Amino acid sequence: MLRTTLTRHSARCFSTTPLARKSAVDSAKDAAKTVDRTVADAAVKGIETGQKATAKAKEALNMSSGEAKGKAHEVAGEAKGKANELSGKAKGTAEEVKGKM
């Protein structure tokens, strides 16, 4: 009698390429990096614009550095006061509308 041995070959997938799919965590990290980079670029652009504006203002007004800073603080204070005033007005209007309901 002849015995034949059956050998089974198991089908195993073998691949050396990484998965093309990203997990949700990786996608979130990539999105966060993109947002962070965009915000950082915008901040840098704003700082550079402010520096250019300050330099032009100094040239136009022939002020020293201290005088320019003082004027900038004065204008900023006025803007902050106006913003607070408008905020108070908005809150008052909101309270009036809330009271009527």
C-alpha atoms as a PDB file:
ATOM      1  CA  MET A   1       0.000   0.000   0.000  1.00  0.00           C
ATOM      2  CA  LEU A   2       1.110   3.294  -0.916  1.00  0.00           C
ATOM      3  CA  ARG A   3       0.505   6.089   1.360  1.00  0.00           C
ATOM      4  CA  THR A   4       0.456   9.537   0.053  1.00  0.00           C
ATOM      5  CA  THR A   5       0.991  12.392   2.323  1.00  0.00           C
ATOM      6  CA  LEU A   6      -1.170  15.352   1.753  1.00  0.00           C
ATOM      7  CA  THR A   7       0.414  18.611   2.573  1.00  0.00           C
ATOM      8  CA  ARG A   8      -1.727  21.564   3.116  1.00  0.00           C
ATOM      9  CA  HIS A   9      -0.480  24.931   2.143  1.00  0.00           C
ATOM     10  CA  SER A  10      -2.070  27.577   4.219  1.00  0.00           C
ATOM     11  CA  ALA A  11      -2.876  30.754   2.414  1.00  0.00           C
ATOM     12  CA  ARG A  12      -1.105  33.510   4.255  1.00  0.00           C
ATOM     13  CA  CYS A  13      -0.954  37.025   3.037  1.00  0.00           C
ATOM     14  CA  PHE A  14       2.478  38.507   3.095  1.00  0.00           C
ATOM     15  CA  SER A  15       2.993  42.127   2.295  1.00  0.00           C
ATOM     16  CA  THR A  16       5.857  44.517   2.792  1.00  0.00           C
ATOM     17  CA  THR A  17       3.915  47.682   2.012  1.00  0.00           C
ATOM     18  CA  PRO A  18       2.394  49.701   4.841  1.00  0.00           C
ATOM     19  CA  LEU A  19      -1.337  50.099   5.082  1.00  0.00           C
ATOM     20  CA  ALA A  20      -2.662  52.994   3.095  1.00  0.00           C
ATOM     21  CA  ARG A  21      -5.452  53.616   5.560  1.00  0.00           C
ATOM     22  CA  LYS A  22      -5.011  56.002   8.465  1.00  0.00           C
ATOM     23  CA  SER A  23      -6.635  55.569  11.803  1.00  0.00           C
ATOM     24  CA  ALA A  24      -8.949  58.222  13.202  1.00  0.00           C
ATOM     25  CA  VAL A  25      -6.234  59.326  15.611  1.00  0.00           C
ATOM     26  CA  ASP A  26      -3.743  59.850  12.795  1.00  0.00           C
ATOM     27  CA  SER A  27      -6.290  61.822  10.798  1.00  0.00           C
ATOM     28  CA  ALA A  28      -7.069  64.005  13.823  1.00  0.00           C
ATOM     29  CA  LYS A  29      -3.361  64.616  14.420  1.00  0.00           C
ATOM     30  CA  ASP A  30      -2.863  65.646  10.803  1.00  0.00           C
ATOM     31  CA  ALA A  31      -5.832  67.996  10.979  1.00  0.00           C
ATOM     32  CA  ALA A  32      -4.551  69.529  14.214  1.00  0.00           C
ATOM     33  CA  LYS A  33      -1.118  70.052  12.683  1.00  0.00           C
ATOM     34  CA  THR A  34      -2.649  71.744   9.662  1.00  0.00           C
ATOM     35  CA  VAL A  35      -4.751  74.064  11.808  1.00  0.00           C
ATOM     36  CA  ASP A  36      -1.785  74.844  14.057  1.00  0.00           C
ATOM     37  CA  ARG A  37       0.392  75.688  11.079  1.00  0.00           C
ATOM     38  CA  THR A  38      -2.277  77.936   9.577  1.00  0.00           C
ATOM     39  CA  VAL A  39      -2.768  79.810  12.849  1.00  0.00           C
ATOM     40  CA  ALA A  40       0.982  80.185  13.355  1.00  0.00           C
ATOM     41  CA  ASP A  41       1.445  81.544   9.834  1.00  0.00           C
ATOM     42  CA  ALA A  42      -1.369  84.045  10.351  1.00  0.00           C
ATOM     43  CA  ALA A  43       0.114  85.165  13.675  1.00  0.00           C
ATOM     44  CA  VAL A  44       3.547  85.674  12.154  1.00  0.00           C
ATOM     45  CA  LYS A  45       2.030  87.624   9.271  1.00  0.00           C
ATOM     46  CA  GLY A  46       0.136  89.826  11.736  1.00  0.00           C
ATOM     47  CA  ILE A  47       3.263  90.504  13.777  1.00  0.00           C
ATOM     48  CA  GLU A  48       5.246  91.402  10.668  1.00  0.00           C
ATOM     49  CA  THR A  49       2.468  93.716   9.486  1.00  0.00           C
ATOM     50  CA  GLY A  50       2.425  95.423  12.877  1.00  0.00           C
ATOM     51  CA  GLN A  51       6.183  95.920  12.788  1.00  0.00           C
ATOM     52  CA  LYS A  52       6.008  97.417   9.304  1.00  0.00           C
ATOM     53  CA  ALA A  53       3.171  99.717  10.337  1.00  0.00           C
ATOM     54  CA  THR A  54       5.096 100.861  13.400  1.00  0.00           C
ATOM     55  CA  ALA A  55       8.185 101.597  11.314  1.00  0.00           C
ATOM     56  CA  LYS A  56       6.135 103.605   8.800  1.00  0.00           C
ATOM     57  CA  ALA A  57       4.397 105.514  11.580  1.00  0.00           C
ATOM     58  CA  LYS A  58       7.749 106.405  13.133  1.00  0.00           C
ATOM     59  CA  GLU A  59       9.016 107.652   9.793  1.00  0.00           C
ATOM     60  CA  ALA A  60       5.876 109.653   9.117  1.00  0.00           C
ATOM     61  CA  LEU A  61       5.707 111.247  12.535  1.00  0.00           C
ATOM     62  CA  ASN A  62       9.446 111.426  13.255  1.00  0.00           C
ATOM     63  CA  MET A  63       8.827 110.098  16.767  1.00  0.00           C
ATOM     64  CA  SER A  64      11.209 108.357  19.040  1.00  0.00           C
ATOM     65  CA  SER A  65      10.511 104.771  20.027  1.00  0.00           C
ATOM     66  CA  GLY A  66       9.101 105.773  23.416  1.00  0.00           C
ATOM     67  CA  GLU A  67       6.771 108.346  21.922  1.00  0.00           C
ATOM     68  CA  ALA A  68       5.467 105.861  19.366  1.00  0.00           C
ATOM     69  CA  LYS A  69       4.809 103.289  22.093  1.00  0.00           C
ATOM     70  CA  GLY A  70       2.978 105.884  24.169  1.00  0.00           C
ATOM     71  CA  LYS A  71       0.785 106.867  21.248  1.00  0.00           C
ATOM     72  CA  ALA A  72       0.094 103.212  20.472  1.00  0.00           C
ATOM     73  CA  HIS A  73      -0.961 102.571  24.092  1.00  0.00           C
ATOM     74  CA  GLU A  74      -3.182 105.641  24.019  1.00  0.00           C
ATOM     75  CA  VAL A  75      -4.946 104.515  20.833  1.00  0.00           C
ATOM     76  CA  ALA A  76      -5.257 100.962  22.200  1.00  0.00           C
ATOM     77  CA  GLY A  77      -6.820 102.305  25.399  1.00  0.00           C
ATOM     78  CA  GLU A  78      -9.352 104.316  23.435  1.00  0.00           C
ATOM     79  CA  ALA A  79     -10.240 101.285  21.327  1.00  0.00           C
ATOM     80  CA  LYS A  80     -10.619  99.126  24.426  1.00  0.00           C
ATOM     81  CA  GLY A  81     -12.888 101.720  26.023  1.00  0.00           C
ATOM     82  CA  LYS A  82     -15.069 101.895  22.936  1.00  0.00           C
ATOM     83  CA  ALA A  83     -15.251  98.080  22.797  1.00  0.00           C
ATOM     84  CA  ASN A  84     -16.308  97.932  26.457  1.00  0.00           C
ATOM     85  CA  GLU A  85     -18.927 100.602  25.829  1.00  0.00           C
ATOM     86  CA  LEU A  86     -20.407  98.703  22.879  1.00  0.00           C
ATOM     87  CA  SER A  87     -20.302  95.453  24.849  1.00  0.00           C
ATOM     88  CA  GLY A  88     -22.246  97.066  27.676  1.00  0.00           C
ATOM     89  CA  LYS A  89     -24.762  98.425  25.223  1.00  0.00           C
ATOM     90  CA  ALA A  90     -25.238  94.975  23.682  1.00  0.00           C
ATOM     91  CA  LYS A  91     -25.687  93.390  27.101  1.00  0.00           C
ATOM     92  CA  GLY A  92     -28.261  96.033  28.030  1.00  0.00           C
ATOM     93  CA  THR A  93     -30.209  95.405  24.845  1.00  0.00           C
ATOM     94  CA  ALA A  94     -30.085  91.660  25.440  1.00  0.00           C
ATOM     95  CA  GLU A  95     -31.456  92.138  28.961  1.00  0.00           C
ATOM     96  CA  GLU A  96     -34.264  94.326  27.626  1.00  0.00           C
ATOM     97  CA  VAL A  97     -35.255  91.697  25.078  1.00  0.00           C
ATOM     98  CA  LYS A  98     -35.028  88.984  27.729  1.00  0.00           C
ATOM     99  CA  GLY A  99     -37.237  91.032  30.063  1.00  0.00           C
ATOM    100  CA  LYS A 100     -39.922  91.474  27.409  1.00  0.00           C
ATOM    101  CA  MET A 101     -40.239  87.734  26.851  1.00  0.00           C
END
